[in-house]
């Protein structure tokens, strides 16, 4: 979970991806200009967006969204 709270984006190749983040870690692969890094959102938003995009593509009815997001939250919170 800690990685999902960094601000950044991912770059993809045929075989791997790289996390490009705004935070100044020693392993940071490269620095982007400040105006680009200022637009980064937390990775968690990117992950949720990817799930929603995949659900829309494969299950456009919306029932699966309810099961994954709402019903799981209900179950976890004991509602």
C-alpha atoms as a PDB file:
ATOM      1  CA  UNK A   1       0.000   0.000   0.000  1.00  0.00           C
ATOM      2  CA  UNK A   2       2.761   2.604   0.631  1.00  0.00           C
ATOM      3  CA  UNK A   3       3.625   2.755  -3.082  1.00  0.00           C
ATOM      4  CA  UNK A   4       0.041   3.694  -3.935  1.00  0.00           C
ATOM      5  CA  UNK A   5       0.395   6.883  -1.853  1.00  0.00           C
ATOM      6  CA  UNK A   6       3.285   8.243  -3.927  1.00  0.00           C
ATOM      7  CA  UNK A   7       2.540  10.810  -6.617  1.00  0.00           C
ATOM      8  CA  UNK A   8       3.453   9.625 -10.066  1.00  0.00           C
ATOM      9  CA  UNK A   9       2.766   7.644 -13.162  1.00  0.00           C
ATOM     10  CA  UNK A  10       3.956   4.445 -14.801  1.00  0.00           C
ATOM     11  CA  UNK A  11       5.915   3.990 -17.988  1.00  0.00           C
ATOM     12  CA  UNK A  12       5.401   0.715 -19.853  1.00  0.00           C
ATOM     13  CA  UNK A  13       7.565  -1.285 -22.245  1.00  0.00           C
ATOM     14  CA  UNK A  14       6.863  -4.662 -23.811  1.00  0.00           C
ATOM     15  CA  UNK A  15       8.113  -6.516 -20.726  1.00  0.00           C
ATOM     16  CA  UNK A  16       8.076  -4.202 -17.695  1.00  0.00           C
ATOM     17  CA  UNK A  17       6.953  -0.962 -16.162  1.00  0.00           C
ATOM     18  CA  UNK A  18       8.703   1.751 -14.186  1.00  0.00           C
ATOM     19  CA  UNK A  19       7.153   3.853 -11.457  1.00  0.00           C
ATOM     20  CA  UNK A  20       7.956   7.508 -12.129  1.00  0.00           C
ATOM     21  CA  UNK A  21       7.316   9.463  -8.936  1.00  0.00           C
ATOM     22  CA  UNK A  22       7.444  13.036  -7.704  1.00  0.00           C
ATOM     23  CA  UNK A  23       8.935  12.146  -4.315  1.00  0.00           C
ATOM     24  CA  UNK A  24      12.717  12.388  -4.096  1.00  0.00           C
ATOM     25  CA  UNK A  25      13.811   8.800  -3.453  1.00  0.00           C
ATOM     26  CA  UNK A  26      17.431   7.721  -3.897  1.00  0.00           C
ATOM     27  CA  UNK A  27      16.356   5.081  -6.439  1.00  0.00           C
ATOM     28  CA  UNK A  28      14.270   7.523  -8.484  1.00  0.00           C
ATOM     29  CA  UNK A  29      15.095   6.661 -12.122  1.00  0.00           C
ATOM     30  CA  UNK A  30      15.017  10.259 -13.347  1.00  0.00           C
ATOM     31  CA  UNK A  31      13.613  13.655 -12.588  1.00  0.00           C
ATOM     32  CA  UNK A  32      10.927  15.176 -14.756  1.00  0.00           C
ATOM     33  CA  UNK A  33      10.366  18.936 -15.051  1.00  0.00           C
ATOM     34  CA  UNK A  34       8.482  20.410 -12.074  1.00  0.00           C
ATOM     35  CA  UNK A  35       5.474  21.397 -14.207  1.00  0.00           C
ATOM     36  CA  UNK A  36       5.012  17.739 -15.233  1.00  0.00           C
ATOM     37  CA  UNK A  37       5.587  16.320 -11.752  1.00  0.00           C
ATOM     38  CA  UNK A  38       3.115  18.826 -10.285  1.00  0.00           C
ATOM     39  CA  UNK A  39       0.334  17.124 -12.296  1.00  0.00           C
ATOM     40  CA  UNK A  40       1.017  13.643 -10.899  1.00  0.00           C
ATOM     41  CA  UNK A  41      -1.730  12.104  -8.785  1.00  0.00           C
ATOM     42  CA  UNK A  42      -1.261   9.363  -6.201  1.00  0.00           C
ATOM     43  CA  UNK A  43      -0.811   5.897  -7.668  1.00  0.00           C
ATOM     44  CA  UNK A  44      -3.933   4.699  -5.855  1.00  0.00           C
ATOM     45  CA  UNK A  45      -6.037   6.907  -8.151  1.00  0.00           C
ATOM     46  CA  UNK A  46      -4.270   5.397 -11.162  1.00  0.00           C
ATOM     47  CA  UNK A  47      -4.997   1.876  -9.870  1.00  0.00           C
ATOM     48  CA  UNK A  48      -8.686   2.588  -9.229  1.00  0.00           C
ATOM     49  CA  UNK A  49      -9.031   4.217 -12.646  1.00  0.00           C
ATOM     50  CA  UNK A  50      -7.493   1.142 -14.293  1.00  0.00           C
ATOM     51  CA  UNK A  51      -9.957  -1.133 -12.469  1.00  0.00           C
ATOM     52  CA  UNK A  52     -12.899   1.054 -13.473  1.00  0.00           C
ATOM     53  CA  UNK A  53     -11.717   1.208 -17.101  1.00  0.00           C
ATOM     54  CA  UNK A  54     -11.348  -2.587 -17.238  1.00  0.00           C
ATOM     55  CA  UNK A  55     -14.781  -3.119 -15.702  1.00  0.00           C
ATOM     56  CA  UNK A  56     -16.352  -0.707 -18.175  1.00  0.00           C
ATOM     57  CA  UNK A  57     -14.650  -2.512 -21.063  1.00  0.00           C
ATOM     58  CA  UNK A  58     -15.535  -6.047 -19.974  1.00  0.00           C
ATOM     59  CA  UNK A  59     -18.673  -5.595 -17.838  1.00  0.00           C
ATOM     60  CA  UNK A  60     -20.454  -2.435 -18.992  1.00  0.00           C
ATOM     61  CA  UNK A  61     -23.610  -3.160 -16.960  1.00  0.00           C
ATOM     62  CA  UNK A  62     -22.184  -1.834 -13.703  1.00  0.00           C
ATOM     63  CA  UNK A  63     -23.059  -4.769 -11.410  1.00  0.00           C
ATOM     64  CA  UNK A  64     -19.391  -5.745 -10.995  1.00  0.00           C
ATOM     65  CA  UNK A  65     -18.476  -2.186  -9.968  1.00  0.00           C
ATOM     66  CA  UNK A  66     -21.067  -2.388  -7.218  1.00  0.00           C
ATOM     67  CA  UNK A  67     -19.758  -5.759  -6.054  1.00  0.00           C
ATOM     68  CA  UNK A  68     -16.118  -4.702  -6.018  1.00  0.00           C
ATOM     69  CA  UNK A  69     -16.404  -1.228  -4.556  1.00  0.00           C
ATOM     70  CA  UNK A  70     -19.669  -0.946  -2.625  1.00  0.00           C
ATOM     71  CA  UNK A  71     -20.333  -4.496  -1.435  1.00  0.00           C
ATOM     72  CA  UNK A  72     -16.707  -5.094  -0.417  1.00  0.00           C
ATOM     73  CA  UNK A  73     -16.718  -1.835   1.552  1.00  0.00           C
ATOM     74  CA  UNK A  74     -19.962  -2.865   3.233  1.00  0.00           C
ATOM     75  CA  UNK A  75     -18.497  -6.226   4.164  1.00  0.00           C
ATOM     76  CA  UNK A  76     -15.205  -4.774   5.440  1.00  0.00           C
ATOM     77  CA  UNK A  77     -16.957  -2.118   7.508  1.00  0.00           C
ATOM     78  CA  UNK A  78     -19.522  -4.565   8.817  1.00  0.00           C
ATOM     79  CA  UNK A  79     -22.497  -2.625   7.501  1.00  0.00           C
END
